[in-house]
Every structure is written in C-alpha cells, then in structure tokens.
C-alpha cells in the first residue's frame, strides 16, 4: 500500500478502495452473472471473461491516476465474476 500511496499521491482510503473495487464488483454482479451464464452457456461466458480480464488487467497496469486504477479494478472484478461462476458451476455440475 505505501508504494501505491506514493506513486499515485493517494490516501490510504483511496488505495483501500482500489484494492476492494474488484470484490465490490463481484458482490454486485454475481446474482446476474449466474443467470446470464445459464442462458448463454458456460463456455462462451468463460472465454469472454478470460479475454476481457486480460485486456482490463493490461489497462490496470497503465493506470495514471488512482481514479482510473479504481475503475479498472472494478471492471476487472466485473468481468472476473463471469469466469468464476460458470467455471464453478461447470465443476459442480459436470457430466460423469
């Protein structure tokens, strides 16, 4: 955290929010992502999520301000949930 605080000239609260933004997105989006993966299928959702998380993670690395870091981390969490929920469902409900 100290490195982020000095790099972005941010407060501890702002850095904490940037670290929690992904988890917040997961909590908000999870109920909808489960229904979406049931409708669209698990494999397309997982592939879409992998591609978008890779792109958003690259953009997170290039953040120039604490606000953009918070936004990119939120989007990473938003797209990550589209991988984790269908992936977990595929493991739980796999055909034997």
C-alpha atoms as a PDB file:
ATOM      1  CA  UNK A   1       0.000   0.000   0.000  1.00  0.00           C
ATOM      2  CA  UNK A   2       2.722   2.562   0.732  1.00  0.00           C
ATOM      3  CA  UNK A   3       4.077   2.224  -2.811  1.00  0.00           C
ATOM      4  CA  UNK A   4       0.634   2.875  -4.292  1.00  0.00           C
ATOM      5  CA  UNK A   5       0.109   5.815  -1.961  1.00  0.00           C
ATOM      6  CA  UNK A   6       3.335   7.476  -3.027  1.00  0.00           C
ATOM      7  CA  UNK A   7       3.038   6.574  -6.727  1.00  0.00           C
ATOM      8  CA  UNK A   8      -0.499   7.953  -7.085  1.00  0.00           C
ATOM      9  CA  UNK A   9      -0.245  10.548  -4.292  1.00  0.00           C
ATOM     10  CA  UNK A  10      -3.349   8.926  -2.804  1.00  0.00           C
ATOM     11  CA  UNK A  11      -4.743   8.482   0.675  1.00  0.00           C
ATOM     12  CA  UNK A  12      -4.939   5.136   2.423  1.00  0.00           C
ATOM     13  CA  UNK A  13      -8.708   5.138   1.927  1.00  0.00           C
ATOM     14  CA  UNK A  14      -8.341   5.593  -1.836  1.00  0.00           C
ATOM     15  CA  UNK A  15      -5.804   2.794  -2.079  1.00  0.00           C
ATOM     16  CA  UNK A  16      -8.036   0.579   0.064  1.00  0.00           C
ATOM     17  CA  UNK A  17     -10.951   1.321  -2.254  1.00  0.00           C
ATOM     18  CA  UNK A  18      -8.818   0.414  -5.264  1.00  0.00           C
ATOM     19  CA  UNK A  19      -7.989  -2.931  -3.667  1.00  0.00           C
ATOM     20  CA  UNK A  20     -11.628  -3.596  -2.710  1.00  0.00           C
ATOM     21  CA  UNK A  21     -13.144  -2.444  -6.019  1.00  0.00           C
ATOM     22  CA  UNK A  22     -12.876  -5.873  -7.648  1.00  0.00           C
ATOM     23  CA  UNK A  23     -14.535  -7.600  -4.719  1.00  0.00           C
ATOM     24  CA  UNK A  24     -17.286  -4.997  -4.683  1.00  0.00           C
ATOM     25  CA  UNK A  25     -17.977  -5.630  -8.375  1.00  0.00           C
ATOM     26  CA  UNK A  26     -18.161  -9.371  -7.776  1.00  0.00           C
ATOM     27  CA  UNK A  27     -20.655  -8.883  -4.955  1.00  0.00           C
ATOM     28  CA  UNK A  28     -22.865  -6.634  -7.083  1.00  0.00           C
ATOM     29  CA  UNK A  29     -22.749  -8.635 -10.316  1.00  0.00           C
ATOM     30  CA  UNK A  30     -22.720 -12.263  -9.108  1.00  0.00           C
ATOM     31  CA  UNK A  31     -26.516 -12.765  -8.970  1.00  0.00           C
ATOM     32  CA  UNK A  32     -26.911 -11.548 -12.543  1.00  0.00           C
ATOM     33  CA  UNK A  33     -23.862 -13.369 -13.917  1.00  0.00           C
ATOM     34  CA  UNK A  34     -25.188 -16.729 -12.763  1.00  0.00           C
ATOM     35  CA  UNK A  35     -28.443 -16.268 -14.632  1.00  0.00           C
ATOM     36  CA  UNK A  36     -26.599 -14.962 -17.679  1.00  0.00           C
ATOM     37  CA  UNK A  37     -24.319 -17.997 -17.825  1.00  0.00           C
ATOM     38  CA  UNK A  38     -27.360 -20.273 -17.570  1.00  0.00           C
ATOM     39  CA  UNK A  39     -28.905 -18.527 -20.571  1.00  0.00           C
ATOM     40  CA  UNK A  40     -25.827 -18.087 -22.770  1.00  0.00           C
ATOM     41  CA  UNK A  41     -23.853 -21.154 -21.755  1.00  0.00           C
ATOM     42  CA  UNK A  42     -20.815 -21.573 -19.559  1.00  0.00           C
ATOM     43  CA  UNK A  43     -18.109 -21.949 -22.192  1.00  0.00           C
ATOM     44  CA  UNK A  44     -18.869 -18.687 -24.073  1.00  0.00           C
ATOM     45  CA  UNK A  45     -19.016 -16.811 -20.776  1.00  0.00           C
ATOM     46  CA  UNK A  46     -15.682 -18.217 -19.592  1.00  0.00           C
ATOM     47  CA  UNK A  47     -13.940 -17.438 -22.903  1.00  0.00           C
ATOM     48  CA  UNK A  48     -15.377 -13.906 -22.989  1.00  0.00           C
ATOM     49  CA  UNK A  49     -14.303 -13.339 -19.406  1.00  0.00           C
ATOM     50  CA  UNK A  50     -10.748 -14.553 -19.982  1.00  0.00           C
ATOM     51  CA  UNK A  51     -10.302 -12.194 -22.913  1.00  0.00           C
ATOM     52  CA  UNK A  52     -11.797  -9.162 -21.178  1.00  0.00           C
ATOM     53  CA  UNK A  53      -9.959  -9.729 -17.898  1.00  0.00           C
ATOM     54  CA  UNK A  54      -6.663  -9.927 -19.801  1.00  0.00           C
ATOM     55  CA  UNK A  55      -7.404  -6.636 -21.556  1.00  0.00           C
ATOM     56  CA  UNK A  56      -8.613  -4.845 -18.418  1.00  0.00           C
ATOM     57  CA  UNK A  57      -5.610  -6.103 -16.449  1.00  0.00           C
ATOM     58  CA  UNK A  58      -3.268  -4.600 -19.031  1.00  0.00           C
ATOM     59  CA  UNK A  59      -5.142  -1.319 -18.756  1.00  0.00           C
ATOM     60  CA  UNK A  60      -4.913  -1.510 -14.956  1.00  0.00           C
ATOM     61  CA  UNK A  61      -1.141  -1.674 -15.217  1.00  0.00           C
ATOM     62  CA  UNK A  62      -1.157   1.501 -17.309  1.00  0.00           C
ATOM     63  CA  UNK A  63      -3.277   3.495 -14.816  1.00  0.00           C
ATOM     64  CA  UNK A  64      -2.100   7.055 -14.425  1.00  0.00           C
ATOM     65  CA  UNK A  65      -4.340   8.072 -11.522  1.00  0.00           C
ATOM     66  CA  UNK A  66      -5.944   6.480  -8.502  1.00  0.00           C
ATOM     67  CA  UNK A  67      -9.381   7.075 -10.021  1.00  0.00           C
ATOM     68  CA  UNK A  68      -8.525   5.142 -13.164  1.00  0.00           C
ATOM     69  CA  UNK A  69      -6.986   2.376 -11.042  1.00  0.00           C
ATOM     70  CA  UNK A  70     -10.233   2.069  -9.063  1.00  0.00           C
ATOM     71  CA  UNK A  71     -12.282   1.988 -12.278  1.00  0.00           C
ATOM     72  CA  UNK A  72     -10.088  -0.649 -13.946  1.00  0.00           C
ATOM     73  CA  UNK A  73     -10.046  -2.820 -10.809  1.00  0.00           C
ATOM     74  CA  UNK A  74     -13.859  -2.603 -10.651  1.00  0.00           C
ATOM     75  CA  UNK A  75     -14.124  -3.650 -14.305  1.00  0.00           C
ATOM     76  CA  UNK A  76     -11.672  -6.496 -13.739  1.00  0.00           C
ATOM     77  CA  UNK A  77     -13.885  -7.775 -10.924  1.00  0.00           C
ATOM     78  CA  UNK A  78     -16.967  -7.298 -13.101  1.00  0.00           C
ATOM     79  CA  UNK A  79     -15.534  -9.500 -15.851  1.00  0.00           C
ATOM     80  CA  UNK A  80     -13.828 -11.930 -13.462  1.00  0.00           C
ATOM     81  CA  UNK A  81     -17.162 -12.980 -11.993  1.00  0.00           C
ATOM     82  CA  UNK A  82     -18.208 -14.058 -15.484  1.00  0.00           C
ATOM     83  CA  UNK A  83     -15.387 -16.628 -15.335  1.00  0.00           C
ATOM     84  CA  UNK A  84     -15.589 -17.818 -11.768  1.00  0.00           C
ATOM     85  CA  UNK A  85     -19.329 -18.508 -11.523  1.00  0.00           C
ATOM     86  CA  UNK A  86     -19.654 -20.521 -14.752  1.00  0.00           C
ATOM     87  CA  UNK A  87     -16.346 -22.240 -14.005  1.00  0.00           C
ATOM     88  CA  UNK A  88     -17.504 -23.293 -10.555  1.00  0.00           C
ATOM     89  CA  UNK A  89     -20.860 -24.412 -11.939  1.00  0.00           C
ATOM     90  CA  UNK A  90     -19.100 -26.473 -14.599  1.00  0.00           C
ATOM     91  CA  UNK A  91     -17.064 -28.224 -11.904  1.00  0.00           C
ATOM     92  CA  UNK A  92     -20.021 -28.840  -9.641  1.00  0.00           C
ATOM     93  CA  UNK A  93     -22.486 -29.967 -12.281  1.00  0.00           C
ATOM     94  CA  UNK A  94     -20.121 -31.773 -14.659  1.00  0.00           C
ATOM     95  CA  UNK A  95     -21.368 -34.812 -16.504  1.00  0.00           C
ATOM     96  CA  UNK A  96     -19.824 -38.086 -15.468  1.00  0.00           C
END
